[in-house]
Protein backbone atom coordinates (compact mmCIF):
# COMPACT_ATOMS: atom_id res chain seq x y z
CA MET A 1 -11.92 22.13 28.73
CA THR A 2 -13.46 25.40 27.52
CA GLU A 3 -9.94 26.91 27.14
CA ALA A 4 -8.97 23.86 25.08
CA LYS A 5 -11.94 24.29 22.79
CA THR A 6 -11.22 27.95 22.49
CA LEU A 7 -7.60 27.35 21.42
CA GLU A 8 -8.62 24.65 18.98
CA ALA A 9 -11.20 27.11 17.39
CA GLN A 10 -8.42 29.75 17.04
CA ARG A 11 -6.03 27.14 15.51
CA ARG A 12 -8.57 25.99 12.87
CA PRO A 13 -8.83 29.25 10.93
CA LEU A 14 -5.05 29.72 11.11
CA LEU A 15 -4.42 26.34 9.71
CA LYS A 16 -6.75 27.19 6.94
CA ILE A 17 -4.93 30.34 6.27
CA PHE A 18 -1.60 28.40 6.22
CA GLY A 19 -3.24 26.20 3.64
CA VAL A 20 -4.15 29.06 1.46
CA ASP A 21 -0.60 30.37 1.76
CA LEU A 22 0.82 27.10 0.45
CA LEU A 23 -1.84 26.78 -2.23
CA SER A 24 -1.33 30.27 -3.50
CA ALA A 25 2.37 29.93 -3.63
CA GLY A 26 1.95 26.61 -5.53
CA CYS A 27 -0.27 28.09 -8.18
CA ALA A 28 1.97 31.13 -8.68
CA SER A 29 5.03 28.99 -8.97
CA ALA A 30 3.43 26.74 -11.52
CA LEU A 31 2.49 29.80 -13.53
CA VAL A 32 5.96 31.33 -13.75
CA SER A 33 8.59 28.58 -13.44
CA PRO A 34 8.62 27.34 -17.02
CA TRP A 35 9.31 30.84 -18.41
CA VAL A 36 12.03 31.42 -15.73
CA THR A 37 13.59 28.03 -16.49
CA ALA A 38 13.99 28.98 -20.16
CA ILE A 39 15.58 32.41 -19.32
CA ASP A 40 17.93 30.71 -16.89
CA VAL A 41 19.10 28.19 -19.50
CA ILE A 42 19.82 30.97 -22.04
CA VAL A 43 21.64 33.27 -19.54
CA VAL A 44 23.94 30.50 -18.17
CA ARG A 45 24.63 29.05 -21.58
CA LYS A 46 25.55 32.38 -23.00
CA ALA A 47 27.88 33.13 -20.17
CA ALA A 48 29.46 29.62 -20.56
CA THR A 49 30.02 29.74 -24.22
CA GLY A 50 30.42 33.45 -24.98
CA ALA A 51 28.21 33.17 -27.93
CA SER A 52 25.92 36.04 -28.86
CA LEU A 53 22.49 36.42 -27.44
CA GLY A 54 20.88 35.67 -30.85
CA ALA A 55 22.95 32.61 -31.40
CA THR A 56 22.13 31.25 -27.93
CA VAL A 57 18.48 31.81 -28.35
CA ARG A 58 18.49 30.19 -31.81
CA SER A 59 20.33 27.23 -30.36
CA PHE A 60 17.76 26.97 -27.51
CA VAL A 61 14.81 27.26 -29.94
CA THR A 62 16.02 25.14 -32.92
CA LYS A 63 17.90 22.45 -30.94
CA PRO A 64 15.69 21.81 -27.90
CA LYS A 65 16.71 19.18 -25.58
CA VAL A 66 14.46 17.35 -23.13
CA PRO A 67 15.57 18.78 -19.81
CA PRO A 68 16.43 16.56 -16.94
CA LEU A 69 13.69 16.20 -14.22
CA GLY A 70 15.71 18.39 -11.88
CA ALA A 71 15.77 21.32 -14.42
CA VAL A 72 11.97 21.32 -14.18
CA ILE A 73 11.37 20.66 -10.59
CA ILE A 74 14.14 22.70 -8.95
CA PRO A 75 12.89 26.12 -10.42
CA PHE A 76 9.44 25.28 -9.28
CA LEU A 77 10.54 24.57 -5.72
CA VAL A 78 12.60 27.77 -5.64
CA TYR A 79 9.56 29.96 -6.16
CA PHE A 80 7.24 27.80 -4.07
CA GLY A 81 9.60 27.94 -1.21
CA THR A 82 10.13 31.65 -1.55
CA TYR A 83 6.42 32.57 -2.02
CA SER A 84 5.16 30.28 0.71
CA THR A 85 7.71 31.62 3.27
CA ALA A 86 6.71 35.21 2.44
CA ASN A 87 3.05 34.24 2.87
CA LEU A 88 3.44 32.30 6.09
CA CYS A 89 5.50 35.16 7.57
CA ASP A 90 2.69 37.64 6.66
CA SER A 91 0.05 35.35 8.19
CA VAL A 92 1.95 34.89 11.40
CA TYR A 93 2.55 38.63 11.64
CA SER A 94 -1.22 39.29 10.93
CA ALA A 95 -2.30 36.81 13.56
CA THR A 96 0.06 38.04 16.30
CA HIS A 97 -0.88 41.68 15.67
CA ASP A 98 -4.56 41.12 15.21
CA LEU A 99 -4.54 42.44 11.57
CA ASP A 100 -6.43 41.50 8.49
CA PRO A 101 -4.91 38.24 7.21
CA THR A 102 -4.34 39.69 3.79
CA THR A 103 -1.91 42.22 5.21
CA ILE A 104 1.35 42.38 3.46
CA SER A 105 4.21 43.14 5.92
CA SER A 106 7.81 44.38 5.41
CA THR A 107 9.32 43.08 8.68
CA MET A 108 12.93 42.06 9.29
CA PRO A 109 11.93 38.41 10.25
CA LYS A 110 10.11 38.11 6.87
CA PHE A 111 13.23 39.46 5.04
CA LEU A 112 15.51 37.13 6.85
CA ALA A 113 13.41 34.02 6.59
CA THR A 114 12.55 34.68 2.90
CA THR A 115 16.17 35.42 2.07
CA ALA A 116 17.36 32.34 3.80
CA VAL A 117 14.89 30.09 2.01
CA SER A 118 15.24 31.67 -1.41
CA THR A 119 19.03 31.91 -1.16
CA GLY A 120 19.43 28.34 -0.20
CA LEU A 121 17.22 27.03 -3.06
CA CYS A 122 18.54 29.61 -5.71
CA VAL A 123 22.18 28.79 -4.88
CA TYR A 124 21.43 25.11 -5.32
CA LYS A 125 19.64 25.78 -8.48
CA ASP A 126 22.34 27.93 -9.99
CA GLY A 127 24.96 25.53 -8.99
CA TYR A 128 22.81 22.81 -10.66
CA PHE A 129 22.53 24.76 -14.00
CA ALA A 130 26.09 26.00 -13.97
CA LYS A 131 27.33 22.39 -13.74
CA LEU A 132 24.73 21.17 -16.25
CA LEU A 133 25.20 23.76 -18.82
CA GLY A 134 28.59 25.29 -18.10
CA ASN A 135 32.00 24.50 -19.76
CA SER A 136 32.34 20.66 -20.15
CA ALA A 137 35.86 20.85 -18.69
CA VAL A 138 34.50 22.51 -15.50
CA LYS A 139 32.69 19.91 -13.45
CA ALA A 140 34.23 20.64 -10.08
CA ALA A 141 32.29 21.75 -7.11
CA VAL A 142 30.83 25.29 -7.36
CA PRO A 143 33.43 27.51 -5.54
CA ARG A 144 32.72 29.31 -2.28
CA ARG A 145 33.09 32.73 -4.01
CA SER A 146 30.33 31.84 -6.34
CA PHE A 147 28.02 30.71 -3.56
CA ALA A 148 28.89 33.96 -1.58
CA LEU A 149 28.09 36.11 -4.62
CA PHE A 150 24.90 34.12 -5.45
CA THR A 151 23.81 34.65 -1.73
CA THR A 152 24.44 38.36 -2.00
CA ARG A 153 22.55 38.56 -5.29
CA ASP A 154 19.49 36.79 -3.82
CA ALA A 155 19.45 38.84 -0.68
CA VAL A 156 19.39 42.08 -2.65
CA THR A 157 16.67 40.60 -4.98
CA VAL A 158 14.47 39.27 -2.18
CA PHE A 159 14.55 42.59 -0.25
CA ALA A 160 13.63 44.54 -3.37
CA SER A 161 10.88 42.02 -4.35
CA PHE A 162 9.19 41.17 -1.01
CA ASN A 163 9.98 44.06 1.43
CA MET A 164 10.35 47.17 -0.66
CA PRO A 165 7.02 47.08 -2.47
CA SER A 166 4.92 47.56 0.74
CA ILE A 167 7.32 50.33 1.73
CA ILE A 168 7.13 52.33 -1.50
CA ALA A 169 3.47 51.60 -2.43
CA PRO A 170 2.04 54.33 -0.07
CA LYS A 171 4.58 56.78 -1.67
CA LEU A 172 3.56 55.84 -5.21
CA ASN A 173 -0.19 56.37 -4.19
CA GLN A 174 0.64 59.96 -3.28
CA LEU A 175 2.32 60.88 -6.61
CA PRO A 176 0.50 63.37 -8.79
CA VAL A 177 0.15 61.08 -11.87
CA THR A 178 -2.40 61.98 -14.47
CA GLY A 179 -3.59 60.48 -17.66
CA SER A 180 -3.57 56.77 -18.47
CA LEU A 181 -0.79 55.93 -15.99
CA SER A 182 -2.86 57.20 -13.06
CA SER A 183 -4.68 53.87 -12.83
CA LEU A 184 -1.24 52.30 -11.87
CA VAL A 185 -1.23 54.31 -8.58
CA SER A 186 -4.82 55.26 -8.06
CA THR A 187 -5.45 52.96 -5.08
CA GLU A 188 -3.27 51.35 -2.39
CA GLU A 189 -3.75 47.95 -4.03
CA ALA A 190 -2.89 49.24 -7.55
CA SER A 191 0.22 50.97 -6.10
CA LEU A 192 1.20 47.72 -4.39
CA ARG A 193 0.94 45.80 -7.63
CA THR A 194 2.90 48.43 -9.49
CA ALA A 195 5.68 48.35 -6.95
CA GLN A 196 5.64 44.58 -7.07
CA MET A 197 6.25 44.67 -10.92
CA ILE A 198 8.79 47.55 -10.79
CA MET A 199 11.12 46.73 -7.89
CA PRO A 200 12.29 43.23 -8.95
CA ALA A 201 13.25 44.53 -12.41
CA VAL A 202 14.98 47.75 -11.24
CA ILE A 203 17.17 45.93 -8.73
CA GLN A 204 18.75 43.86 -11.57
CA VAL A 205 20.90 46.86 -12.36
CA VAL A 206 22.75 45.90 -9.14
CA SER A 207 22.31 42.19 -8.95
CA THR A 208 23.21 41.14 -12.54
CA PRO A 209 26.93 42.05 -12.25
CA ILE A 210 27.07 40.09 -8.99
CA HIS A 211 25.34 37.20 -10.67
CA LEU A 212 27.86 37.30 -13.71
CA LEU A 213 30.72 37.39 -11.42
CA GLY A 214 29.54 34.39 -9.61
CA LEU A 215 29.15 32.56 -12.87
CA ASP A 216 32.65 33.57 -14.00
CA TYR A 217 34.17 32.22 -10.85
CA ASN A 218 32.51 28.97 -11.44
CA ASN A 219 33.20 28.75 -15.22
CA ARG A 220 36.84 29.83 -14.91
CA GLN A 221 38.01 28.39 -11.65
CA GLU A 222 41.76 29.07 -12.38
CA LYS A 223 43.56 32.02 -10.71
CA LEU A 224 42.92 35.16 -12.88
CA PRO A 225 43.39 38.91 -12.31
CA PHE A 226 40.22 40.47 -10.98
CA ARG A 227 40.37 43.12 -13.69
CA GLU A 228 40.09 40.27 -16.24
CA ARG A 229 36.96 38.98 -14.56
CA ILE A 230 35.43 42.53 -14.62
CA ASN A 231 36.24 42.92 -18.24
CA ALA A 232 34.43 39.68 -18.93
CA ILE A 233 31.37 40.82 -16.96
CA LYS A 234 31.36 44.11 -19.10
CA GLN A 235 31.01 42.10 -22.18
CA HIS A 236 27.81 40.39 -20.95
CA VAL A 237 26.29 42.73 -18.57
CA HIS A 238 24.50 44.91 -21.19
CA VAL A 239 22.72 41.86 -22.53
CA ALA A 240 22.35 39.84 -19.35
CA THR A 241 20.69 42.85 -17.47
CA PRO A 242 17.63 43.26 -19.61
CA LEU A 243 17.57 39.41 -20.02
CA ARG A 244 17.46 39.04 -16.24
CA MET A 245 14.75 41.78 -16.04
CA MET A 246 12.75 39.65 -18.32
CA ARG A 247 13.30 36.73 -16.24
CA ILE A 248 12.78 38.43 -12.85
CA VAL A 249 9.51 40.11 -13.89
CA PRO A 250 7.70 36.77 -14.29
CA ALA A 251 9.48 35.26 -11.29
CA PHE A 252 9.12 37.99 -8.64
CA GLY A 253 6.97 40.52 -10.50
CA ILE A 254 4.08 38.67 -12.21
CA GLY A 255 4.61 35.71 -9.84
CA SER A 256 4.47 37.95 -6.74
CA VAL A 257 1.25 39.75 -7.99
CA ALA A 258 -0.37 36.31 -8.87
CA ASN A 259 0.56 34.95 -5.44
CA THR A 260 -0.87 37.94 -3.64
CA SER A 261 -3.97 37.99 -5.76
CA PHE A 262 -4.59 34.23 -5.27
CA ARG A 263 -4.01 34.69 -1.55
CA ARG A 264 -6.22 37.75 -1.10
CA SER A 265 -9.06 36.21 -3.12
CA TRP A 266 -9.06 32.87 -1.21
CA LEU A 267 -8.61 34.28 2.14
CA SER A 268 -11.56 36.60 1.59
CA ASN A 269 -13.70 33.46 1.04
CA LEU A 270 -12.54 31.68 4.18
């Protein structure tokens, strides 16, 4: 009987921690998903139509359309699923290793779980937007090559966004930075926030070409020489890369910092 009470007492705070994990993820997702949705629409529409960035943005701003419910809910669910999975993995790791519940881990199980959830949701989201905003003549199922490329893109982005910051933050903290920038790496917490902001943007240099190739296979499903697809990517990559950096910083930069801040603040009050 005593053992049962002890087990129940241990479970109770862990369930509260899980509740904080989910609440933090929900608040951070609500904060960033509208901005990310707008960037997604612009990127996909530009790739599908071949219009200039300025023309695409003007069309988006001057001719706004009420988005389908899915275009609002799906992006929120992508980030809620990703943040909550990362949070829950950190909580389980902290509980099983008797660590502070606010600990941010960089374990392989966290990477695999977060990648699986994020990739599944992102691939569904990208397929949804590609069919919604792509060439009107292309309404077939998203090809397997596009799914494979979107999966690779998301695995790279998730690793850089959720695993790399806790790895490089201690190294940033040791840099001999002086002046106004020193505050960015002055403490371990500041270094972690800086890494969380930088890494998602930097990795877009790698992931954007992969993303554009996936979109090209979806928008032009006919058999084409690979060199022609690469040439098409070259036309868009110089614009799409900074645009996706602008998109990813709210999604996995600001969103990740907000998620971590909410979580740490609320866990400290348990």
